[in-house]
PDB file of N, CA and C in Angstrom:
ATOM      1  N   MET A   1     113.466  36.206 107.051  1.00  0.00           N
ATOM      2  CA  MET A   1     113.101  35.065 107.876  1.00  0.00           C
ATOM      3  C   MET A   1     113.180  35.494 109.342  1.00  0.00           C
ATOM      4  N   LYS A   2     112.201  35.018 110.137  1.00  0.00           N
ATOM      5  CA  LYS A   2     112.208  35.312 111.568  1.00  0.00           C
ATOM      6  C   LYS A   2     111.894  34.038 112.340  1.00  0.00           C
ATOM      7  N   ILE A   3     112.279  34.024 113.611  1.00  0.00           N
ATOM      8  CA  ILE A   3     112.029  32.900 114.504  1.00  0.00           C
ATOM      9  C   ILE A   3     110.877  33.265 115.426  1.00  0.00           C
ATOM     10  N   GLU A   4     109.956  32.339 115.606  1.00  0.00           N
ATOM     11  CA  GLU A   4     108.847  32.530 116.529  1.00  0.00           C
ATOM     12  C   GLU A   4     108.762  31.283 117.416  1.00  0.00           C
ATOM     13  N   TRP A   5     108.791  31.482 118.732  1.00  0.00           N
ATOM     14  CA  TRP A   5     108.732  30.381 119.693  1.00  0.00           C
ATOM     15  C   TRP A   5     107.308  30.205 120.200  1.00  0.00           C
ATOM     16  N   SER A   6     106.826  28.974 120.217  1.00  0.00           N
ATOM     17  CA  SER A   6     105.525  28.696 120.827  1.00  0.00           C
ATOM     18  C   SER A   6     105.684  28.736 122.349  1.00  0.00           C
ATOM     19  N   LYS A   7     104.573  28.892 123.054  1.00  0.00           N
ATOM     20  CA  LYS A   7     104.613  28.860 124.524  1.00  0.00           C
ATOM     21  C   LYS A   7     105.148  27.510 125.001  1.00  0.00           C
ATOM     22  N   THR A   8     104.758  26.451 124.326  1.00  0.00           N
ATOM     23  CA  THR A   8     105.230  25.118 124.691  1.00  0.00           C
ATOM     24  C   THR A   8     106.744  25.022 124.586  1.00  0.00           C
ATOM     25  N   ALA A   9     107.305  25.524 123.489  1.00  0.00           N
ATOM     26  CA  ALA A   9     108.754  25.460 123.285  1.00  0.00           C
ATOM     27  C   ALA A   9     109.497  26.277 124.333  1.00  0.00           C
ATOM     28  N   ILE A  10     108.962  27.439 124.684  1.00  0.00           N
ATOM     29  CA  ILE A  10     109.589  28.270 125.718  1.00  0.00           C
ATOM     30  C   ILE A  10     109.585  27.526 127.048  1.00  0.00           C
ATOM     31  N   GLU A  11     108.462  26.913 127.381  1.00  0.00           N
ATOM     32  CA  GLU A  11     108.368  26.147 128.633  1.00  0.00           C
ATOM     33  C   GLU A  11     109.296  24.933 128.603  1.00  0.00           C
ATOM     34  N   ASP A  12     109.396  24.270 127.446  1.00  0.00           N
ATOM     35  CA  ASP A  12     110.319  23.139 127.304  1.00  0.00           C
ATOM     36  C   ASP A  12     111.743  23.573 127.620  1.00  0.00           C
ATOM     37  N   LEU A  13     112.160  24.692 127.039  1.00  0.00           N
ATOM     38  CA  LEU A  13     113.524  25.186 127.242  1.00  0.00           C
ATOM     39  C   LEU A  13     113.760  25.558 128.702  1.00  0.00           C
ATOM     40  N   LYS A  14     112.810  26.237 129.312  1.00  0.00           N
ATOM     41  CA  LYS A  14     112.936  26.609 130.726  1.00  0.00           C
ATOM     42  C   LYS A  14     113.026  25.361 131.608  1.00  0.00           C
ATOM     43  N   SER A  15     112.172  24.396 131.330  1.00  0.00           N
ATOM     44  CA  SER A  15     112.129  23.175 132.140  1.00  0.00           C
ATOM     45  C   SER A  15     113.407  22.364 132.032  1.00  0.00           C
ATOM     46  N   LEU A  16     113.898  22.196 130.817  1.00  0.00           N
ATOM     47  CA  LEU A  16     115.111  21.400 130.659  1.00  0.00           C
ATOM     48  C   LEU A  16     116.296  22.094 131.312  1.00  0.00           C
ATOM     49  N   ARG A  17     116.341  23.401 131.197  1.00  0.00           N
ATOM     50  CA  ARG A  17     117.437  24.135 131.834  1.00  0.00           C
ATOM     51  C   ARG A  17     117.357  24.019 133.359  1.00  0.00           C
ATOM     52  N   ALA A  18     116.173  24.136 133.928  1.00  0.00           N
ATOM     53  CA  ALA A  18     116.004  24.008 135.378  1.00  0.00           C
ATOM     54  C   ALA A  18     116.377  22.600 135.846  1.00  0.00           C
ATOM     55  N   TYR A  19     115.961  21.593 135.093  1.00  0.00           N
ATOM     56  CA  TYR A  19     116.261  20.212 135.465  1.00  0.00           C
ATOM     57  C   TYR A  19     117.768  19.947 135.450  1.00  0.00           C
ATOM     58  N   ILE A  20     118.421  20.330 134.364  1.00  0.00           N
ATOM     59  CA  ILE A  20     119.866  20.099 134.260  1.00  0.00           C
ATOM     60  C   ILE A  20     120.607  20.912 135.316  1.00  0.00           C
ATOM     61  N   SER A  21     120.133  22.112 135.578  1.00  0.00           N
ATOM     62  CA  SER A  21     120.783  23.009 136.528  1.00  0.00           C
ATOM     63  C   SER A  21     120.804  22.438 137.948  1.00  0.00           C
ATOM     64  N   GLU A  22     119.826  21.601 138.286  1.00  0.00           N
ATOM     65  CA  GLU A  22     119.817  20.973 139.610  1.00  0.00           C
ATOM     66  C   GLU A  22     121.075  20.157 139.858  1.00  0.00           C
ATOM     67  N   HIS A  23     121.627  19.593 138.798  1.00  0.00           N
ATOM     68  CA  HIS A  23     122.797  18.719 138.908  1.00  0.00           C
ATOM     69  C   HIS A  23     124.081  19.392 138.446  1.00  0.00           C
ATOM     70  N   ASP A  24     123.960  20.268 137.449  1.00  0.00           N
ATOM     71  CA  ASP A  24     125.164  20.894 136.878  1.00  0.00           C
ATOM     72  C   ASP A  24     124.774  22.198 136.178  1.00  0.00           C
ATOM     73  N   PRO A  25     124.841  23.320 136.902  1.00  0.00           N
ATOM     74  CA  PRO A  25     124.445  24.610 136.314  1.00  0.00           C
ATOM     75  C   PRO A  25     125.212  24.976 135.038  1.00  0.00           C
ATOM     76  N   ALA A  26     126.487  24.648 134.998  1.00  0.00           N
ATOM     77  CA  ALA A  26     127.276  24.975 133.799  1.00  0.00           C
ATOM     78  C   ALA A  26     126.784  24.172 132.596  1.00  0.00           C
ATOM     79  N   ALA A  27     126.433  22.909 132.816  1.00  0.00           N
ATOM     80  CA  ALA A  27     125.907  22.076 131.720  1.00  0.00           C
ATOM     81  C   ALA A  27     124.563  22.608 131.250  1.00  0.00           C
ATOM     82  N   ALA A  28     123.757  23.113 132.174  1.00  0.00           N
ATOM     83  CA  ALA A  28     122.465  23.695 131.799  1.00  0.00           C
ATOM     84  C   ALA A  28     122.658  24.888 130.878  1.00  0.00           C
ATOM     85  N   THR A  29     123.613  25.725 131.210  1.00  0.00           N
ATOM     86  CA  THR A  29     123.912  26.897 130.375  1.00  0.00           C
ATOM     87  C   THR A  29     124.430  26.465 129.006  1.00  0.00           C
ATOM     88  N   ARG A  30     125.343  25.492 128.976  1.00  0.00           N
ATOM     89  CA  ARG A  30     125.886  25.007 127.700  1.00  0.00           C
ATOM     90  C   ARG A  30     124.779  24.421 126.818  1.00  0.00           C
ATOM     91  N   THR A  31     123.906  23.640 127.429  1.00  0.00           N
ATOM     92  CA  THR A  31     122.834  22.998 126.668  1.00  0.00           C
ATOM     93  C   THR A  31     121.875  24.044 126.096  1.00  0.00           C
ATOM     94  N   ALA A  32     121.452  24.976 126.927  1.00  0.00           N
ATOM     95  CA  ALA A  32     120.542  26.031 126.456  1.00  0.00           C
ATOM     96  C   ALA A  32     121.201  26.862 125.354  1.00  0.00           C
ATOM     97  N   THR A  33     122.475  27.167 125.518  1.00  0.00           N
ATOM     98  CA  THR A  33     123.203  27.944 124.506  1.00  0.00           C
ATOM     99  C   THR A  33     123.279  27.175 123.192  1.00  0.00           C
ATOM    100  N   SER A  34     123.526  25.870 123.271  1.00  0.00           N
ATOM    101  CA  SER A  34     123.583  25.047 122.056  1.00  0.00           C
ATOM    102  C   SER A  34     122.233  25.031 121.340  1.00  0.00           C
ATOM    103  N   ILE A  35     121.162  24.914 122.107  1.00  0.00           N
ATOM    104  CA  ILE A  35     119.825  24.907 121.511  1.00  0.00           C
ATOM    105  C   ILE A  35     119.531  26.245 120.845  1.00  0.00           C
ATOM    106  N   LEU A  36     119.806  27.331 121.539  1.00  0.00           N
ATOM    107  CA  LEU A  36     119.557  28.660 120.975  1.00  0.00           C
ATOM    108  C   LEU A  36     120.408  28.911 119.736  1.00  0.00           C
ATOM    109  N   SER A  37     121.644  28.453 119.763  1.00  0.00           N
ATOM    110  CA  SER A  37     122.527  28.605 118.602  1.00  0.00           C
ATOM    111  C   SER A  37     121.998  27.807 117.405  1.00  0.00           C
ATOM    112  N   GLY A  38     121.542  26.585 117.675  1.00  0.00           N
ATOM    113  CA  GLY A  38     120.976  25.770 116.605  1.00  0.00           C
ATOM    114  C   GLY A  38     119.751  26.415 115.997  1.00  0.00           C
ATOM    115  N   VAL A  39     118.884  26.939 116.854  1.00  0.00           N
ATOM    116  CA  VAL A  39     117.682  27.614 116.365  1.00  0.00           C
ATOM    117  C   VAL A  39     118.072  28.839 115.536  1.00  0.00           C
ATOM    118  N   GLU A  40     119.045  29.571 115.981  1.00  0.00           N
ATOM    119  CA  GLU A  40     119.508  30.760 115.248  1.00  0.00           C
ATOM    120  C   GLU A  40     119.987  30.391 113.832  1.00  0.00           C
ATOM    121  N   SER A  41     120.593  29.209 113.688  1.00  0.00           N
ATOM    122  CA  SER A  41     121.073  28.782 112.366  1.00  0.00           C
ATOM    123  C   SER A  41     119.924  28.557 111.385  1.00  0.00           C
ATOM    124  N   LEU A  42     118.714  28.350 111.916  1.00  0.00           N
ATOM    125  CA  LEU A  42     117.554  28.154 111.047  1.00  0.00           C
ATOM    126  C   LEU A  42     117.160  29.425 110.303  1.00  0.00           C
ATOM    127  N   LEU A  43     117.623  30.570 110.777  1.00  0.00           N
ATOM    128  CA  LEU A  43     117.337  31.826 110.069  1.00  0.00           C
ATOM    129  C   LEU A  43     117.901  31.804 108.652  1.00  0.00           C
ATOM    130  N   LYS A  44     119.118  31.279 108.517  1.00  0.00           N
ATOM    131  CA  LYS A  44     119.751  31.211 107.196  1.00  0.00           C
ATOM    132  C   LYS A  44     119.432  29.913 106.469  1.00  0.00           C
ATOM    133  N   PHE A  45     119.234  28.843 107.238  1.00  0.00           N
ATOM    134  CA  PHE A  45     119.040  27.520 106.648  1.00  0.00           C
ATOM    135  C   PHE A  45     117.812  26.842 107.250  1.00  0.00           C
ATOM    136  N   PRO A  46     116.613  27.299 106.909  1.00  0.00           N
ATOM    137  CA  PRO A  46     115.398  26.743 107.528  1.00  0.00           C
ATOM    138  C   PRO A  46     115.161  25.262 107.223  1.00  0.00           C
ATOM    139  N   GLY A  47     115.773  24.750 106.194  1.00  0.00           N
ATOM    140  CA  GLY A  47     115.628  23.334 105.854  1.00  0.00           C
ATOM    141  C   GLY A  47     116.693  22.456 106.471  1.00  0.00           C
ATOM    142  N   LEU A  48     117.447  23.006 107.403  1.00  0.00           N
ATOM    143  CA  LEU A  48     118.586  22.305 107.994  1.00  0.00           C
ATOM    144  C   LEU A  48     118.197  20.993 108.673  1.00  0.00           C
ATOM    145  N   GLY A  49     117.103  20.964 109.379  1.00  0.00           N
ATOM    146  CA  GLY A  49     116.676  19.757 110.089  1.00  0.00           C
ATOM    147  C   GLY A  49     116.148  18.703 109.134  1.00  0.00           C
ATOM    148  N   ARG A  50     115.982  17.515 109.683  1.00  0.00           N
ATOM    149  CA  ARG A  50     115.432  16.411 108.886  1.00  0.00           C
ATOM    150  C   ARG A  50     113.901  16.504 108.876  1.00  0.00           C
ATOM    151  N   ALA A  51     113.293  15.766 107.964  1.00  0.00           N
ATOM    152  CA  ALA A  51     111.829  15.706 107.929  1.00  0.00           C
ATOM    153  C   ALA A  51     111.335  15.162 109.256  1.00  0.00           C
ATOM    154  N   GLY A  52     110.301  15.776 109.798  1.00  0.00           N
ATOM    155  CA  GLY A  52     109.794  15.395 111.104  1.00  0.00           C
ATOM    156  C   GLY A  52     108.919  14.160 111.085  1.00  0.00           C
ATOM    157  N   ARG A  53     108.753  13.569 112.260  1.00  0.00           N
ATOM    158  CA  ARG A  53     107.872  12.410 112.414  1.00  0.00           C
ATOM    159  C   ARG A  53     106.410  12.827 112.367  1.00  0.00           C
ATOM    160  N   VAL A  54     106.156  14.064 112.726  1.00  0.00           N
ATOM    161  CA  VAL A  54     104.812  14.633 112.646  1.00  0.00           C
ATOM    162  C   VAL A  54     104.728  15.359 111.300  1.00  0.00           C
ATOM    163  N   PRO A  55     103.678  15.127 110.528  1.00  0.00           N
ATOM    164  CA  PRO A  55     103.569  15.768 109.212  1.00  0.00           C
ATOM    165  C   PRO A  55     103.777  17.288 109.268  1.00  0.00           C
ATOM    166  N   HIS A  56     104.462  17.802 108.275  1.00  0.00           N
ATOM    167  CA  HIS A  56     104.713  19.232 108.077  1.00  0.00           C
ATOM    168  C   HIS A  56     105.659  19.838 109.112  1.00  0.00           C
ATOM    169  N   THR A  57     106.404  18.989 109.824  1.00  0.00           N
ATOM    170  CA  THR A  57     107.397  19.507 110.765  1.00  0.00           C
ATOM    171  C   THR A  57     108.785  19.063 110.344  1.00  0.00           C
ATOM    172  N   ARG A  58     109.759  19.693 110.979  1.00  0.00           N
ATOM    173  CA  ARG A  58     111.155  19.317 110.807  1.00  0.00           C
ATOM    174  C   ARG A  58     111.742  19.128 112.188  1.00  0.00           C
ATOM    175  N   GLU A  59     112.834  18.362 112.274  1.00  0.00           N
ATOM    176  CA  GLU A  59     113.498  18.078 113.538  1.00  0.00           C
ATOM    177  C   GLU A  59     114.962  18.477 113.415  1.00  0.00           C
ATOM    178  N   LEU A  60     115.365  19.401 114.253  1.00  0.00           N
ATOM    179  CA  LEU A  60     116.764  19.826 114.277  1.00  0.00           C
ATOM    180  C   LEU A  60     117.450  19.120 115.429  1.00  0.00           C
ATOM    181  N   ILE A  61     118.423  18.286 115.123  1.00  0.00           N
ATOM    182  CA  ILE A  61     119.209  17.608 116.148  1.00  0.00           C
ATOM    183  C   ILE A  61     120.236  18.601 116.667  1.00  0.00           C
ATOM    184  N   ILE A  62     120.287  18.761 117.984  1.00  0.00           N
ATOM    185  CA  ILE A  62     121.248  19.685 118.581  1.00  0.00           C
ATOM    186  C   ILE A  62     122.507  18.885 118.912  1.00  0.00           C
ATOM    187  N   PRO A  63     123.634  19.171 118.235  1.00  0.00           N
ATOM    188  CA  PRO A  63     124.865  18.406 118.447  1.00  0.00           C
ATOM    189  C   PRO A  63     125.323  18.435 119.907  1.00  0.00           C
ATOM    190  N   ASP A  64     125.902  17.313 120.319  1.00  0.00           N
ATOM    191  CA  ASP A  64     126.481  17.150 121.654  1.00  0.00           C
ATOM    192  C   ASP A  64     125.452  17.262 122.775  1.00  0.00           C
ATOM    193  N   THR A  65     124.177  17.081 122.454  1.00  0.00           N
ATOM    194  CA  THR A  65     123.107  17.044 123.452  1.00  0.00           C
ATOM    195  C   THR A  65     122.183  15.893 123.074  1.00  0.00           C
ATOM    196  N   SER A  66     121.189  15.681 123.889  1.00  0.00           N
ATOM    197  CA  SER A  66     120.169  14.663 123.594  1.00  0.00           C
ATOM    198  C   SER A  66     118.856  15.319 123.204  1.00  0.00           C
ATOM    199  N   TYR A  67     118.935  16.539 122.669  1.00  0.00           N
ATOM    200  CA  TYR A  67     117.717  17.306 122.402  1.00  0.00           C
ATOM    201  C   TYR A  67     117.456  17.508 120.919  1.00  0.00           C
ATOM    202  N   LEU A  68     116.171  17.599 120.612  1.00  0.00           N
ATOM    203  CA  LEU A  68     115.685  17.891 119.268  1.00  0.00           C
ATOM    204  C   LEU A  68     114.802  19.128 119.348  1.00  0.00           C
ATOM    205  N   VAL A  69     114.900  19.958 118.340  1.00  0.00           N
ATOM    206  CA  VAL A  69     114.004  21.105 118.210  1.00  0.00           C
ATOM    207  C   VAL A  69     113.018  20.761 117.108  1.00  0.00           C
ATOM    208  N   ILE A  70     111.746  20.750 117.462  1.00  0.00           N
ATOM    209  CA  ILE A  70     110.695  20.452 116.496  1.00  0.00           C
ATOM    210  C   ILE A  70     110.156  21.785 115.984  1.00  0.00           C
ATOM    211  N   TYR A  71     110.135  21.959 114.665  1.00  0.00           N
ATOM    212  CA  TYR A  71     109.724  23.243 114.103  1.00  0.00           C
ATOM    213  C   TYR A  71     109.039  23.055 112.762  1.00  0.00           C
ATOM    214  N   HIS A  72     108.423  24.105 112.298  1.00  0.00           N
ATOM    215  CA  HIS A  72     107.896  24.120 110.934  1.00  0.00           C
ATOM    216  C   HIS A  72     108.139  25.509 110.341  1.00  0.00           C
ATOM    217  N   VAL A  73     108.152  25.536 109.041  1.00  0.00           N
ATOM    218  CA  VAL A  73     108.438  26.775 108.306  1.00  0.00           C
ATOM    219  C   VAL A  73     107.191  27.170 107.533  1.00  0.00           C
ATOM    220  N   SER A  74     106.825  28.431 107.652  1.00  0.00           N
ATOM    221  CA  SER A  74     105.728  28.960 106.845  1.00  0.00           C
ATOM    222  C   SER A  74     106.066  30.378 106.443  1.00  0.00           C
ATOM    223  N   ASP A  75     105.931  30.633 105.163  1.00  0.00           N
ATOM    224  CA  ASP A  75     106.251  31.944 104.599  1.00  0.00           C
ATOM    225  C   ASP A  75     107.630  32.393 105.059  1.00  0.00           C
ATOM    226  N   ASP A  76     107.704  33.452 105.858  1.00  0.00           N
ATOM    227  CA  ASP A  76     109.001  33.979 106.284  1.00  0.00           C
ATOM    228  C   ASP A  76     109.266  33.705 107.760  1.00  0.00           C
ATOM    229  N   THR A  77     108.605  32.671 108.329  1.00  0.00           N
ATOM    230  CA  THR A  77     108.726  32.391 109.756  1.00  0.00           C
ATOM    231  C   THR A  77     109.118  30.940 110.012  1.00  0.00           C
ATOM    232  N   VAL A  78     110.076  30.778 110.921  1.00  0.00           N
ATOM    233  CA  VAL A  78     110.404  29.463 111.454  1.00  0.00           C
ATOM    234  C   VAL A  78     109.743  29.414 112.824  1.00  0.00           C
ATOM    235  N   ARG A  79     108.772  28.525 112.982  1.00  0.00           N
ATOM    236  CA  ARG A  79     108.010  28.424 114.230  1.00  0.00           C
ATOM    237  C   ARG A  79     108.543  27.243 115.034  1.00  0.00           C
ATOM    238  N   ILE A  80     109.098  27.533 116.214  1.00  0.00           N
ATOM    239  CA  ILE A  80     109.616  26.486 117.083  1.00  0.00           C
ATOM    240  C   ILE A  80     108.433  25.934 117.879  1.00  0.00           C
ATOM    241  N   ASP A  81     108.118  24.666 117.651  1.00  0.00           N
ATOM    242  CA  ASP A  81     106.952  24.053 118.274  1.00  0.00           C
ATOM    243  C   ASP A  81     107.272  23.458 119.645  1.00  0.00           C
ATOM    244  N   SER A  82     108.428  22.795 119.745  1.00  0.00           N
ATOM    245  CA  SER A  82     108.811  22.199 121.016  1.00  0.00           C
ATOM    246  C   SER A  82     110.294  21.840 121.010  1.00  0.00           C
ATOM    247  N   VAL A  83     110.807  21.618 122.212  1.00  0.00           N
ATOM    248  CA  VAL A  83     112.178  21.153 122.404  1.00  0.00           C
ATOM    249  C   VAL A  83     112.055  19.879 123.219  1.00  0.00           C
ATOM    250  N   LEU A  84     112.478  18.758 122.647  1.00  0.00           N
ATOM    251  CA  LEU A  84     112.275  17.460 123.278  1.00  0.00           C
ATOM    252  C   LEU A  84     113.585  16.733 123.524  1.00  0.00           C
ATOM    253  N   HIS A  85     113.633  16.013 124.633  1.00  0.00           N
ATOM    254  CA  HIS A  85     114.735  15.085 124.865  1.00  0.00           C
ATOM    255  C   HIS A  85     114.492  13.883 123.959  1.00  0.00           C
ATOM    256  N   SER A  86     115.529  13.371 123.361  1.00  0.00           N
ATOM    257  CA  SER A  86     115.351  12.291 122.383  1.00  0.00           C
ATOM    258  C   SER A  86     114.792  11.012 123.000  1.00  0.00           C
ATOM    259  N   ALA A  87     114.887  10.852 124.312  1.00  0.00           N
ATOM    260  CA  ALA A  87     114.351   9.656 124.964  1.00  0.00           C
ATOM    261  C   ALA A  87     112.874   9.782 125.311  1.00  0.00           C
ATOM    262  N   ARG A  88     112.303  10.978 125.154  1.00  0.00           N
ATOM    263  CA  ARG A  88     110.893  11.186 125.491  1.00  0.00           C
ATOM    264  C   ARG A  88     109.976  10.463 124.522  1.00  0.00           C
ATOM    265  N   LYS A  89     108.849  10.019 125.028  1.00  0.00           N
ATOM    266  CA  LYS A  89     107.835   9.405 124.177  1.00  0.00           C
ATOM    267  C   LYS A  89     107.211  10.502 123.301  1.00  0.00           C
ATOM    268  N   TRP A  90     107.093  10.189 122.036  1.00  0.00           N
ATOM    269  CA  TRP A  90     106.544  11.156 121.090  1.00  0.00           C
ATOM    270  C   TRP A  90     105.033  11.215 121.201  1.00  0.00           C
ATOM    271  N   PRO A  91     104.471  12.401 121.016  1.00  0.00           N
ATOM    272  CA  PRO A  91     103.006  12.491 121.006  1.00  0.00           C
ATOM    273  C   PRO A  91     102.424  11.766 119.809  1.00  0.00           C
ATOM    274  N   ASP A  92     101.172  11.336 119.931  1.00  0.00           N
ATOM    275  CA  ASP A  92     100.500  10.650 118.818  1.00  0.00           C
ATOM    276  C   ASP A  92     100.241  11.615 117.682  1.00  0.00           C
TER     277      ASP A  92
END
């Protein structure tokens, strides 16, 4: 099993870290580390997240944050589609 990040997910992670860092750099680091750790756990347990709101996706809730990792699994790859704040409006 391998992890593959979409360009959108990479930009999401960069943006959220930059935003949080404006107010609390240490919290930005903790949040990014929690997200990366959660994603890493998908290597062993790709079904860890709940069924996604978008068909064929899964949602990994990142503990102690307000973020979700949206991903899907195909063959031997976990594809990270996006990282969203739980208060964000979901795409159609």
